[in-house]
């Protein structure tokens, strides 16, 4: 955390807590803090914008990135360059808090079926044993979910689909793509559930 962010936090809570104690907790000097406060006596164009951004983040529980904050500000008739919004958010510790999405195992929510594969990950011919699971990639715009079906005969990718949402439709669309691509028989075993035994085979 930048020293300026720490000083700003101390300043905001100066009437509630001891300056000396807060400086000690944050590992900054009192002289540095008072120097920061002195500089604040000069009107700073960022302070008003920072307070409005803080108001926005309080409303959205600090989930907005700078682009959405910029849109929120414009709705309030506060116009500023998006890059300026990002800089101020960085400066005053107002960046969004990334919350990890809860991973849902659909096998736990839907019907359970017998484990036909039973840890036997060797196939004697193509399209005899398929394994499938969903993984995800973190991007600047959020999570990208990847649904993959792999043939255990030669570890080749039979089909894959991507989506910004982890839903049953993503799984079904992957299965449909695999069926369109390959000739399958009733004896085909499809193993799902994200077991550790086959996940290392999936490489991107």
N, C-alpha and C. Protein backbone atom coordinates (compact mmCIF):
# COMPACT_ATOMS: atom_id res chain seq x y z
N UNK A 1 0.84 -1.19 0.00
CA UNK A 1 0.00 0.00 0.00
C UNK A 1 0.88 1.25 0.00
N UNK A 2 0.56 2.20 -0.85
CA UNK A 2 1.34 3.42 -0.94
C UNK A 2 1.21 4.24 0.34
N UNK A 3 2.28 5.00 0.65
CA UNK A 3 2.27 5.83 1.84
C UNK A 3 1.15 6.86 1.78
N UNK A 4 0.90 7.42 0.58
CA UNK A 4 -0.16 8.43 0.45
C UNK A 4 -1.53 7.86 0.80
N UNK A 5 -1.74 6.58 0.47
CA UNK A 5 -3.01 5.93 0.80
C UNK A 5 -3.13 5.78 2.31
N UNK A 6 -2.02 5.39 2.96
CA UNK A 6 -2.02 5.25 4.42
C UNK A 6 -2.29 6.59 5.09
N UNK A 7 -1.62 7.63 4.59
CA UNK A 7 -1.84 8.97 5.16
C UNK A 7 -3.29 9.39 5.01
N UNK A 8 -3.88 9.07 3.87
CA UNK A 8 -5.27 9.44 3.62
C UNK A 8 -6.21 8.73 4.59
N UNK A 9 -5.93 7.44 4.87
CA UNK A 9 -6.75 6.67 5.81
C UNK A 9 -6.63 7.28 7.21
N UNK A 10 -5.39 7.62 7.60
CA UNK A 10 -5.16 8.23 8.92
C UNK A 10 -5.91 9.55 9.02
N UNK A 11 -5.84 10.34 7.96
CA UNK A 11 -6.50 11.65 7.96
C UNK A 11 -8.02 11.50 8.11
N UNK A 12 -8.58 10.50 7.42
CA UNK A 12 -10.02 10.31 7.47
C UNK A 12 -10.50 9.87 8.85
N UNK A 13 -9.62 9.20 9.62
CA UNK A 13 -10.00 8.68 10.94
C UNK A 13 -9.31 9.43 12.08
N UNK A 14 -8.83 10.63 11.78
CA UNK A 14 -8.03 11.38 12.77
C UNK A 14 -8.82 11.77 14.02
N UNK A 15 -10.16 11.93 13.88
CA UNK A 15 -10.97 12.34 15.01
C UNK A 15 -11.41 11.16 15.87
N UNK A 16 -11.22 9.96 15.35
CA UNK A 16 -11.66 8.76 16.06
C UNK A 16 -10.51 8.03 16.74
N UNK A 17 -9.32 8.08 16.12
CA UNK A 17 -8.17 7.35 16.66
C UNK A 17 -6.98 8.29 16.83
N UNK A 18 -6.04 7.85 17.62
CA UNK A 18 -4.82 8.63 17.85
C UNK A 18 -3.95 8.63 16.61
N UNK A 19 -3.44 9.82 16.24
CA UNK A 19 -2.56 9.93 15.07
C UNK A 19 -1.32 9.09 15.28
N UNK A 20 -0.74 9.16 16.46
CA UNK A 20 0.50 8.41 16.75
C UNK A 20 0.28 6.91 16.62
N UNK A 21 -0.85 6.43 17.17
CA UNK A 21 -1.13 4.99 17.12
C UNK A 21 -1.36 4.53 15.68
N UNK A 22 -2.09 5.31 14.91
CA UNK A 22 -2.34 4.93 13.52
C UNK A 22 -1.05 4.95 12.70
N UNK A 23 -0.19 5.95 12.94
CA UNK A 23 1.09 5.99 12.23
C UNK A 23 1.92 4.77 12.56
N UNK A 24 1.87 4.36 13.83
CA UNK A 24 2.62 3.17 14.26
C UNK A 24 2.07 1.91 13.60
N UNK A 25 0.73 1.80 13.56
CA UNK A 25 0.09 0.61 12.96
C UNK A 25 0.42 0.51 11.47
N UNK A 26 0.38 1.65 10.77
CA UNK A 26 0.62 1.65 9.33
C UNK A 26 2.11 1.72 8.97
N UNK A 27 2.95 1.87 9.98
CA UNK A 27 4.39 1.88 9.72
C UNK A 27 4.87 3.12 8.99
N UNK A 28 4.27 4.28 9.30
CA UNK A 28 4.68 5.54 8.69
C UNK A 28 5.04 6.52 9.79
N UNK A 29 5.79 7.54 9.43
CA UNK A 29 6.23 8.52 10.43
C UNK A 29 5.19 9.62 10.61
N UNK A 30 5.17 10.20 11.79
CA UNK A 30 4.26 11.31 12.06
C UNK A 30 4.65 12.52 11.22
N UNK A 31 5.96 12.72 11.05
CA UNK A 31 6.41 13.86 10.27
C UNK A 31 5.95 13.73 8.82
N UNK A 32 6.01 12.50 8.29
CA UNK A 32 5.54 12.27 6.93
C UNK A 32 4.05 12.53 6.81
N UNK A 33 3.29 12.12 7.85
CA UNK A 33 1.85 12.35 7.84
C UNK A 33 1.53 13.84 7.86
N UNK A 34 2.19 14.59 8.76
CA UNK A 34 1.90 16.02 8.87
C UNK A 34 2.35 16.78 7.62
N UNK A 35 3.39 16.27 6.97
CA UNK A 35 3.81 16.86 5.71
C UNK A 35 2.74 16.64 4.64
N UNK A 36 2.13 15.46 4.67
CA UNK A 36 1.04 15.15 3.74
C UNK A 36 -0.15 16.05 4.00
N UNK A 37 -0.50 16.23 5.27
CA UNK A 37 -1.63 17.09 5.62
C UNK A 37 -1.37 18.53 5.20
N UNK A 38 -0.13 18.97 5.37
CA UNK A 38 0.22 20.34 4.98
C UNK A 38 0.03 20.53 3.49
N UNK A 39 0.40 19.54 2.72
CA UNK A 39 0.22 19.64 1.27
C UNK A 39 -1.26 19.66 0.90
N UNK A 40 -2.08 19.06 1.74
CA UNK A 40 -3.52 19.03 1.47
C UNK A 40 -4.16 20.40 1.64
N UNK A 41 -3.47 21.30 2.34
CA UNK A 41 -4.01 22.65 2.52
C UNK A 41 -4.12 23.39 1.20
N UNK A 42 -3.31 22.97 0.23
CA UNK A 42 -3.39 23.54 -1.11
C UNK A 42 -4.51 22.80 -1.84
N UNK A 43 -5.53 23.51 -2.29
CA UNK A 43 -6.67 22.83 -2.95
C UNK A 43 -6.19 21.89 -4.06
N UNK A 44 -6.58 20.68 -3.95
CA UNK A 44 -6.19 19.67 -4.94
C UNK A 44 -7.41 19.27 -5.76
N UNK A 45 -7.26 19.30 -7.07
CA UNK A 45 -8.40 18.98 -7.93
C UNK A 45 -8.82 17.53 -7.80
N UNK A 46 -7.90 16.69 -7.28
CA UNK A 46 -8.22 15.27 -7.15
C UNK A 46 -9.14 14.98 -5.97
N UNK A 47 -9.13 15.83 -4.94
CA UNK A 47 -9.85 15.53 -3.71
C UNK A 47 -11.36 15.42 -3.94
N UNK A 48 -11.91 16.36 -4.69
CA UNK A 48 -13.35 16.32 -4.95
C UNK A 48 -13.71 15.07 -5.74
N UNK A 49 -12.90 14.76 -6.75
CA UNK A 49 -13.16 13.57 -7.57
C UNK A 49 -13.03 12.31 -6.72
N UNK A 50 -12.02 12.28 -5.83
CA UNK A 50 -11.82 11.11 -4.97
C UNK A 50 -13.01 10.90 -4.05
N UNK A 51 -13.56 11.97 -3.51
CA UNK A 51 -14.71 11.85 -2.62
C UNK A 51 -15.93 11.31 -3.37
N UNK A 52 -16.12 11.75 -4.61
CA UNK A 52 -17.24 11.26 -5.39
C UNK A 52 -17.05 9.79 -5.76
N UNK A 53 -15.82 9.42 -6.08
CA UNK A 53 -15.53 8.02 -6.39
C UNK A 53 -15.75 7.16 -5.14
N UNK A 54 -15.36 7.69 -3.99
CA UNK A 54 -15.59 6.97 -2.73
C UNK A 54 -17.08 6.78 -2.48
N UNK A 55 -17.87 7.77 -2.83
CA UNK A 55 -19.32 7.67 -2.71
C UNK A 55 -19.87 6.58 -3.65
N UNK A 56 -19.33 6.54 -4.86
CA UNK A 56 -19.74 5.51 -5.82
C UNK A 56 -19.39 4.12 -5.32
N UNK A 57 -18.17 3.96 -4.82
CA UNK A 57 -17.73 2.65 -4.35
C UNK A 57 -18.49 2.21 -3.11
N UNK A 58 -18.94 3.17 -2.31
CA UNK A 58 -19.75 2.82 -1.15
C UNK A 58 -21.11 2.28 -1.59
N UNK A 59 -21.66 2.85 -2.65
CA UNK A 59 -22.96 2.39 -3.16
C UNK A 59 -22.86 0.99 -3.75
N UNK A 60 -21.78 0.73 -4.48
CA UNK A 60 -21.65 -0.57 -5.16
C UNK A 60 -20.83 -1.57 -4.36
N UNK A 61 -20.50 -1.22 -3.10
CA UNK A 61 -19.70 -2.09 -2.22
C UNK A 61 -18.34 -2.39 -2.83
N UNK A 62 -17.76 -1.37 -3.44
CA UNK A 62 -16.41 -1.38 -4.01
C UNK A 62 -16.22 -2.51 -5.04
N UNK A 63 -17.21 -2.64 -5.93
CA UNK A 63 -17.13 -3.67 -6.97
C UNK A 63 -16.91 -3.07 -8.35
N UNK A 64 -16.98 -1.74 -8.48
CA UNK A 64 -16.85 -1.12 -9.80
C UNK A 64 -15.38 -0.90 -10.17
N UNK A 65 -15.04 -1.24 -11.42
CA UNK A 65 -13.77 -0.86 -11.98
C UNK A 65 -13.85 0.58 -12.46
N UNK A 66 -12.71 1.11 -12.94
CA UNK A 66 -12.69 2.54 -13.26
C UNK A 66 -13.64 2.90 -14.41
N UNK A 67 -13.90 1.96 -15.34
CA UNK A 67 -14.81 2.26 -16.45
C UNK A 67 -16.25 2.47 -15.94
N UNK A 68 -16.68 1.60 -15.04
CA UNK A 68 -18.04 1.72 -14.51
C UNK A 68 -18.14 2.93 -13.59
N UNK A 69 -17.06 3.22 -12.87
CA UNK A 69 -17.04 4.42 -12.03
C UNK A 69 -17.17 5.66 -12.91
N UNK A 70 -16.47 5.65 -14.06
CA UNK A 70 -16.53 6.78 -14.99
C UNK A 70 -17.96 6.99 -15.49
N UNK A 71 -18.66 5.92 -15.79
CA UNK A 71 -20.05 6.01 -16.23
C UNK A 71 -20.92 6.57 -15.11
N UNK A 72 -20.68 6.08 -13.88
CA UNK A 72 -21.45 6.56 -12.72
C UNK A 72 -21.25 8.06 -12.53
N UNK A 73 -20.01 8.53 -12.68
CA UNK A 73 -19.70 9.95 -12.52
C UNK A 73 -20.41 10.80 -13.58
N UNK A 74 -20.42 10.30 -14.81
CA UNK A 74 -21.08 11.05 -15.88
C UNK A 74 -22.58 11.18 -15.65
N UNK A 75 -23.17 10.14 -15.05
CA UNK A 75 -24.60 10.22 -14.72
C UNK A 75 -24.85 11.29 -13.66
N UNK A 76 -23.82 11.56 -12.86
CA UNK A 76 -23.91 12.61 -11.85
C UNK A 76 -23.44 13.96 -12.41
N UNK A 77 -23.21 13.99 -13.72
CA UNK A 77 -22.74 15.19 -14.42
C UNK A 77 -21.37 15.64 -13.91
N UNK A 78 -20.54 14.64 -13.60
CA UNK A 78 -19.15 14.89 -13.21
C UNK A 78 -18.30 14.32 -14.34
N UNK A 79 -17.69 15.17 -15.11
CA UNK A 79 -16.99 14.73 -16.31
C UNK A 79 -15.49 14.75 -16.09
N UNK A 80 -14.87 13.62 -16.38
CA UNK A 80 -13.43 13.49 -16.21
C UNK A 80 -12.93 12.39 -17.15
N UNK A 81 -11.67 12.46 -17.51
CA UNK A 81 -11.09 11.45 -18.37
C UNK A 81 -11.03 10.11 -17.64
N UNK A 82 -11.38 8.99 -18.31
CA UNK A 82 -11.33 7.68 -17.65
C UNK A 82 -9.97 7.37 -17.04
N UNK A 83 -8.89 7.77 -17.71
CA UNK A 83 -7.55 7.53 -17.17
C UNK A 83 -7.31 8.33 -15.90
N UNK A 84 -7.91 9.51 -15.82
CA UNK A 84 -7.81 10.32 -14.60
C UNK A 84 -8.55 9.63 -13.47
N UNK A 85 -9.70 9.05 -13.79
CA UNK A 85 -10.46 8.30 -12.78
C UNK A 85 -9.63 7.15 -12.25
N UNK A 86 -8.97 6.43 -13.15
CA UNK A 86 -8.13 5.30 -12.75
C UNK A 86 -6.98 5.78 -11.87
N UNK A 87 -6.34 6.89 -12.25
CA UNK A 87 -5.21 7.42 -11.47
C UNK A 87 -5.64 7.81 -10.06
N UNK A 88 -6.79 8.48 -9.97
CA UNK A 88 -7.29 8.90 -8.66
C UNK A 88 -7.68 7.68 -7.81
N UNK A 89 -8.27 6.69 -8.45
CA UNK A 89 -8.63 5.47 -7.71
C UNK A 89 -7.40 4.77 -7.17
N UNK A 90 -6.33 4.77 -7.97
CA UNK A 90 -5.06 4.20 -7.50
C UNK A 90 -4.48 5.02 -6.36
N UNK A 91 -4.51 6.31 -6.52
CA UNK A 91 -3.89 7.23 -5.56
C UNK A 91 -4.54 7.14 -4.19
N UNK A 92 -5.87 7.01 -4.15
CA UNK A 92 -6.59 7.05 -2.88
C UNK A 92 -7.10 5.67 -2.44
N UNK A 93 -6.57 4.62 -3.05
CA UNK A 93 -6.94 3.27 -2.64
C UNK A 93 -8.41 2.95 -2.85
N UNK A 94 -8.94 3.35 -4.00
CA UNK A 94 -10.37 3.19 -4.29
C UNK A 94 -10.63 2.15 -5.38
N UNK A 95 -9.66 1.33 -5.67
CA UNK A 95 -9.84 0.30 -6.69
C UNK A 95 -10.84 -0.74 -6.21
N UNK A 96 -11.46 -1.41 -7.16
CA UNK A 96 -12.47 -2.40 -6.82
C UNK A 96 -11.83 -3.59 -6.12
N UNK A 97 -12.63 -4.22 -5.28
CA UNK A 97 -12.18 -5.42 -4.59
C UNK A 97 -12.67 -6.62 -5.39
N UNK A 98 -11.73 -7.45 -5.85
CA UNK A 98 -12.09 -8.62 -6.66
C UNK A 98 -12.57 -9.71 -5.72
N UNK A 99 -13.78 -10.18 -5.94
CA UNK A 99 -14.35 -11.24 -5.12
C UNK A 99 -14.36 -12.53 -5.92
N UNK A 100 -13.77 -13.56 -5.34
CA UNK A 100 -13.73 -14.86 -6.01
C UNK A 100 -15.13 -15.44 -6.10
N UNK A 101 -15.52 -15.82 -7.29
CA UNK A 101 -16.83 -16.42 -7.47
C UNK A 101 -16.84 -17.83 -6.91
N UNK A 102 -17.94 -18.16 -6.29
CA UNK A 102 -18.07 -19.49 -5.73
C UNK A 102 -18.15 -20.50 -6.85
N UNK A 103 -17.28 -21.52 -6.79
CA UNK A 103 -17.25 -22.55 -7.82
C UNK A 103 -18.35 -23.56 -7.54
N UNK A 104 -19.23 -23.74 -8.49
CA UNK A 104 -20.35 -24.66 -8.32
C UNK A 104 -20.05 -25.95 -9.07
N UNK A 105 -20.07 -27.05 -8.35
CA UNK A 105 -19.91 -28.35 -8.98
C UNK A 105 -21.30 -28.85 -9.35
N UNK A 106 -21.57 -28.89 -10.65
CA UNK A 106 -22.90 -29.28 -11.07
C UNK A 106 -23.22 -30.72 -10.72
N UNK A 107 -22.19 -31.52 -10.56
CA UNK A 107 -22.42 -32.91 -10.18
C UNK A 107 -23.03 -33.02 -8.80
N UNK A 108 -22.82 -32.00 -7.94
CA UNK A 108 -23.39 -32.02 -6.61
C UNK A 108 -24.82 -31.53 -6.63
N UNK A 109 -25.16 -30.69 -7.63
CA UNK A 109 -26.49 -30.11 -7.67
C UNK A 109 -27.47 -30.99 -8.42
N UNK A 110 -26.98 -31.78 -9.38
CA UNK A 110 -27.86 -32.61 -10.20
C UNK A 110 -27.80 -34.06 -9.74
N UNK A 111 -28.35 -34.94 -10.55
CA UNK A 111 -28.36 -36.36 -10.21
C UNK A 111 -26.95 -36.94 -10.23
N UNK A 112 -26.72 -37.87 -9.34
CA UNK A 112 -25.45 -38.60 -9.34
C UNK A 112 -25.64 -39.91 -10.10
N UNK A 113 -24.60 -40.27 -10.86
CA UNK A 113 -24.65 -41.50 -11.62
C UNK A 113 -23.47 -42.39 -11.21
N UNK A 114 -23.57 -43.69 -11.46
CA UNK A 114 -22.47 -44.58 -11.10
C UNK A 114 -21.18 -44.19 -11.81
N UNK A 115 -20.06 -44.37 -11.12
CA UNK A 115 -18.75 -44.05 -11.68
C UNK A 115 -18.30 -45.22 -12.55
N UNK A 116 -18.72 -45.21 -13.83
CA UNK A 116 -18.39 -46.32 -14.73
C UNK A 116 -16.90 -46.38 -15.03
N UNK A 117 -16.25 -45.22 -15.04
CA UNK A 117 -14.83 -45.19 -15.37
C UNK A 117 -14.01 -45.87 -14.30
N UNK A 118 -14.36 -45.62 -13.03
CA UNK A 118 -13.74 -46.30 -11.90
C UNK A 118 -12.21 -46.27 -11.95
N UNK A 119 -11.67 -45.08 -12.24
CA UNK A 119 -10.22 -44.84 -12.24
C UNK A 119 -9.47 -45.56 -13.36
N UNK A 120 -10.20 -46.14 -14.32
CA UNK A 120 -9.54 -46.78 -15.45
C UNK A 120 -9.48 -45.77 -16.59
N UNK A 121 -8.35 -45.09 -16.72
CA UNK A 121 -8.22 -43.99 -17.67
C UNK A 121 -7.54 -44.41 -18.98
N UNK A 122 -7.63 -45.69 -19.30
CA UNK A 122 -7.06 -46.20 -20.54
C UNK A 122 -8.21 -46.59 -21.48
N UNK A 123 -8.18 -46.06 -22.70
CA UNK A 123 -9.19 -46.40 -23.71
C UNK A 123 -8.53 -47.20 -24.82
N UNK A 124 -9.24 -48.19 -25.34
CA UNK A 124 -8.69 -49.06 -26.38
C UNK A 124 -8.98 -48.55 -27.78
N UNK A 125 -9.90 -47.59 -27.91
CA UNK A 125 -10.27 -47.07 -29.22
C UNK A 125 -10.81 -45.66 -29.06
N UNK A 126 -10.85 -44.89 -30.13
CA UNK A 126 -11.41 -43.53 -30.05
C UNK A 126 -12.88 -43.55 -29.66
N UNK A 127 -13.30 -42.51 -29.02
CA UNK A 127 -14.71 -42.31 -28.64
C UNK A 127 -15.25 -43.43 -27.76
N UNK A 128 -14.37 -43.97 -26.95
CA UNK A 128 -14.79 -44.99 -25.99
C UNK A 128 -14.96 -44.36 -24.60
N UNK A 129 -14.01 -43.47 -24.25
CA UNK A 129 -14.04 -42.82 -22.94
C UNK A 129 -13.71 -41.33 -23.12
N UNK A 130 -14.65 -40.52 -22.72
CA UNK A 130 -14.42 -39.06 -22.73
C UNK A 130 -14.43 -38.55 -21.29
N UNK A 131 -13.65 -37.54 -21.05
CA UNK A 131 -13.68 -36.87 -19.75
C UNK A 131 -13.95 -35.39 -20.00
N UNK A 132 -14.64 -34.76 -19.06
CA UNK A 132 -15.03 -33.37 -19.25
C UNK A 132 -15.00 -32.62 -17.93
N UNK A 133 -14.71 -31.34 -18.02
CA UNK A 133 -14.74 -30.49 -16.85
C UNK A 133 -14.72 -29.03 -17.30
N UNK A 134 -14.92 -28.13 -16.34
CA UNK A 134 -14.88 -26.69 -16.61
C UNK A 134 -13.72 -26.07 -15.84
N UNK A 135 -12.94 -25.28 -16.53
CA UNK A 135 -11.90 -24.50 -15.89
C UNK A 135 -12.19 -23.03 -16.14
N UNK A 136 -11.35 -22.14 -15.60
CA UNK A 136 -11.59 -20.72 -15.83
C UNK A 136 -10.27 -19.97 -15.95
N UNK A 137 -10.33 -18.87 -16.67
CA UNK A 137 -9.17 -18.01 -16.88
C UNK A 137 -9.54 -16.61 -16.40
N UNK A 138 -8.71 -16.03 -15.57
CA UNK A 138 -8.95 -14.67 -15.10
C UNK A 138 -8.47 -13.68 -16.17
N UNK A 139 -9.33 -12.76 -16.57
CA UNK A 139 -8.97 -11.75 -17.56
C UNK A 139 -9.23 -10.36 -16.97
N UNK A 140 -8.84 -9.36 -17.71
CA UNK A 140 -9.07 -7.99 -17.27
C UNK A 140 -10.54 -7.63 -17.22
N UNK A 141 -11.38 -8.36 -17.95
CA UNK A 141 -12.81 -8.09 -17.98
C UNK A 141 -13.61 -9.05 -17.09
N UNK A 142 -12.92 -9.93 -16.38
CA UNK A 142 -13.61 -10.90 -15.53
C UNK A 142 -13.14 -12.31 -15.82
N UNK A 143 -13.94 -13.30 -15.46
CA UNK A 143 -13.58 -14.70 -15.67
C UNK A 143 -14.10 -15.20 -17.01
N UNK A 144 -13.26 -15.98 -17.69
CA UNK A 144 -13.67 -16.68 -18.91
C UNK A 144 -13.68 -18.17 -18.58
N UNK A 145 -14.86 -18.78 -18.67
CA UNK A 145 -15.00 -20.20 -18.34
C UNK A 145 -14.81 -21.05 -19.60
N UNK A 146 -14.09 -22.15 -19.43
CA UNK A 146 -13.76 -23.04 -20.55
C UNK A 146 -14.27 -24.44 -20.23
N UNK A 147 -15.16 -24.94 -21.06
CA UNK A 147 -15.66 -26.30 -20.93
C UNK A 147 -14.97 -27.17 -21.97
N UNK A 148 -14.37 -28.27 -21.53
CA UNK A 148 -13.54 -29.11 -22.41
C UNK A 148 -13.98 -30.57 -22.34
N UNK A 149 -13.96 -31.23 -23.49
CA UNK A 149 -14.15 -32.68 -23.55
C UNK A 149 -12.90 -33.27 -24.19
N UNK A 150 -12.30 -34.25 -23.51
CA UNK A 150 -11.06 -34.86 -23.99
C UNK A 150 -11.27 -36.37 -24.16
N UNK A 151 -10.72 -36.92 -25.24
CA UNK A 151 -10.78 -38.35 -25.50
C UNK A 151 -9.58 -39.02 -24.84
N UNK A 152 -9.83 -39.98 -23.94
CA UNK A 152 -8.74 -40.65 -23.23
C UNK A 152 -7.92 -41.58 -24.12
N UNK A 153 -8.42 -41.87 -25.32
CA UNK A 153 -7.68 -42.76 -26.22
C UNK A 153 -6.34 -42.15 -26.62
N UNK A 154 -6.36 -40.87 -27.01
CA UNK A 154 -5.12 -40.21 -27.42
C UNK A 154 -4.95 -38.83 -26.77
N UNK A 155 -5.79 -38.57 -25.75
CA UNK A 155 -5.74 -37.29 -25.04
C UNK A 155 -6.01 -36.08 -25.94
N UNK A 156 -6.70 -36.29 -27.03
CA UNK A 156 -7.02 -35.17 -27.93
C UNK A 156 -8.28 -34.45 -27.44
N UNK A 157 -8.36 -33.16 -27.77
CA UNK A 157 -9.54 -32.37 -27.43
C UNK A 157 -10.64 -32.66 -28.45
N UNK A 158 -11.74 -33.18 -27.98
CA UNK A 158 -12.87 -33.47 -28.87
C UNK A 158 -13.63 -32.18 -29.18
N UNK A 159 -13.88 -31.39 -28.14
CA UNK A 159 -14.61 -30.13 -28.32
C UNK A 159 -14.38 -29.26 -27.11
N UNK A 160 -14.51 -27.96 -27.32
CA UNK A 160 -14.46 -27.03 -26.19
C UNK A 160 -15.31 -25.81 -26.50
N UNK A 161 -15.84 -25.20 -25.46
CA UNK A 161 -16.63 -23.98 -25.58
C UNK A 161 -16.21 -23.03 -24.47
N UNK A 162 -16.36 -21.74 -24.73
CA UNK A 162 -16.04 -20.73 -23.72
C UNK A 162 -17.26 -19.86 -23.46
N UNK A 163 -17.31 -19.29 -22.27
CA UNK A 163 -18.41 -18.41 -21.90
C UNK A 163 -17.98 -17.53 -20.74
N UNK A 164 -18.64 -16.40 -20.59
CA UNK A 164 -18.38 -15.53 -19.46
C UNK A 164 -19.20 -15.94 -18.24
N UNK A 165 -20.04 -16.97 -18.41
CA UNK A 165 -20.84 -17.47 -17.30
C UNK A 165 -20.71 -18.98 -17.21
N UNK A 166 -20.67 -19.47 -15.98
CA UNK A 166 -20.56 -20.89 -15.74
C UNK A 166 -21.96 -21.45 -15.53
N UNK A 167 -22.54 -21.97 -16.61
CA UNK A 167 -23.90 -22.47 -16.54
C UNK A 167 -23.98 -23.85 -17.17
N UNK A 168 -25.11 -24.51 -16.95
CA UNK A 168 -25.33 -25.82 -17.55
C UNK A 168 -25.39 -25.73 -19.06
N UNK A 169 -25.76 -24.56 -19.59
CA UNK A 169 -25.83 -24.37 -21.04
C UNK A 169 -24.43 -24.46 -21.66
N UNK A 170 -23.42 -24.03 -20.92
CA UNK A 170 -22.05 -24.15 -21.41
C UNK A 170 -21.66 -25.61 -21.57
N UNK A 171 -22.02 -26.42 -20.60
CA UNK A 171 -21.72 -27.86 -20.66
C UNK A 171 -22.46 -28.53 -21.81
N UNK A 172 -23.74 -28.22 -21.93
CA UNK A 172 -24.55 -28.85 -22.98
C UNK A 172 -24.08 -28.45 -24.37
N UNK A 173 -23.68 -27.20 -24.54
CA UNK A 173 -23.21 -26.76 -25.86
C UNK A 173 -21.91 -27.47 -26.23
N UNK A 174 -21.08 -27.77 -25.24
CA UNK A 174 -19.84 -28.52 -25.50
C UNK A 174 -20.16 -29.94 -25.92
N UNK A 175 -21.13 -30.56 -25.25
CA UNK A 175 -21.54 -31.92 -25.62
C UNK A 175 -22.13 -31.96 -27.03
N UNK A 176 -22.94 -30.97 -27.36
CA UNK A 176 -23.52 -30.94 -28.71
C UNK A 176 -22.43 -30.79 -29.77
N UNK A 177 -21.45 -29.95 -29.49
CA UNK A 177 -20.35 -29.76 -30.44
C UNK A 177 -19.57 -31.04 -30.62
N UNK A 178 -19.36 -31.79 -29.53
CA UNK A 178 -18.63 -33.06 -29.61
C UNK A 178 -19.42 -34.09 -30.42
N UNK A 179 -20.72 -34.14 -30.23
CA UNK A 179 -21.55 -35.10 -30.95
C UNK A 179 -21.60 -34.77 -32.44
N UNK A 180 -21.58 -33.47 -32.77
CA UNK A 180 -21.58 -33.10 -34.19
C UNK A 180 -20.26 -33.48 -34.85
N UNK A 181 -19.21 -33.46 -34.09
CA UNK A 181 -17.88 -33.68 -34.65
C UNK A 181 -17.53 -35.17 -34.76
N UNK A 182 -17.99 -35.97 -33.81
CA UNK A 182 -17.59 -37.37 -33.75
C UNK A 182 -18.80 -38.30 -33.84
N UNK A 183 -18.53 -39.51 -34.35
CA UNK A 183 -19.54 -40.55 -34.35
C UNK A 183 -19.44 -41.32 -33.03
N UNK A 184 -20.50 -41.27 -32.27
CA UNK A 184 -20.47 -41.90 -30.95
C UNK A 184 -21.48 -43.03 -30.90
N UNK A 185 -21.15 -44.02 -30.07
CA UNK A 185 -22.03 -45.17 -29.89
C UNK A 185 -22.56 -45.16 -28.46
N UNK A 186 -23.50 -46.04 -28.21
CA UNK A 186 -24.13 -46.10 -26.89
C UNK A 186 -23.13 -46.50 -25.80
N UNK A 187 -22.02 -47.15 -26.22
CA UNK A 187 -21.05 -47.62 -25.24
C UNK A 187 -20.12 -46.51 -24.75
N UNK A 188 -20.22 -45.32 -25.32
CA UNK A 188 -19.33 -44.23 -24.92
C UNK A 188 -19.55 -43.88 -23.45
N UNK A 189 -18.45 -43.78 -22.71
CA UNK A 189 -18.49 -43.37 -21.31
C UNK A 189 -18.04 -41.91 -21.21
N UNK A 190 -18.86 -41.09 -20.59
CA UNK A 190 -18.52 -39.69 -20.37
C UNK A 190 -18.35 -39.47 -18.87
N UNK A 191 -17.13 -39.13 -18.47
CA UNK A 191 -16.82 -38.97 -17.06
C UNK A 191 -16.68 -37.49 -16.73
N UNK A 192 -17.42 -37.06 -15.71
CA UNK A 192 -17.37 -35.66 -15.30
C UNK A 192 -17.23 -35.60 -13.79
N UNK A 193 -16.88 -34.41 -13.31
CA UNK A 193 -16.81 -34.23 -11.86
C UNK A 193 -15.51 -33.62 -11.40
N UNK A 194 -14.57 -33.37 -12.34
CA UNK A 194 -13.34 -32.68 -11.96
C UNK A 194 -12.43 -33.49 -11.08
N UNK A 195 -12.36 -34.84 -11.30
CA UNK A 195 -11.49 -35.65 -10.47
C UNK A 195 -10.03 -35.33 -10.74
N UNK A 196 -9.21 -35.42 -9.72
CA UNK A 196 -7.81 -35.05 -9.84
C UNK A 196 -7.06 -35.99 -10.77
N UNK A 197 -7.59 -37.20 -10.95
CA UNK A 197 -6.84 -38.17 -11.73
C UNK A 197 -6.68 -37.76 -13.19
N UNK A 198 -7.66 -37.05 -13.74
CA UNK A 198 -7.54 -36.72 -15.17
C UNK A 198 -7.32 -35.26 -15.44
N UNK A 199 -7.54 -34.39 -14.47
CA UNK A 199 -7.34 -32.96 -14.69
C UNK A 199 -5.94 -32.60 -15.17
N UNK A 200 -4.87 -33.27 -14.67
CA UNK A 200 -3.53 -32.93 -15.17
C UNK A 200 -3.37 -33.17 -16.67
N UNK A 201 -4.26 -33.96 -17.28
CA UNK A 201 -4.14 -34.21 -18.72
C UNK A 201 -4.57 -33.00 -19.54
N UNK A 202 -5.35 -32.12 -18.93
CA UNK A 202 -5.88 -30.98 -19.67
C UNK A 202 -4.84 -29.87 -19.70
N UNK A 203 -4.37 -29.56 -20.89
CA UNK A 203 -3.37 -28.53 -21.05
C UNK A 203 -3.87 -27.53 -22.08
N UNK A 204 -3.66 -26.24 -21.80
CA UNK A 204 -4.12 -25.20 -22.71
C UNK A 204 -2.92 -24.52 -23.35
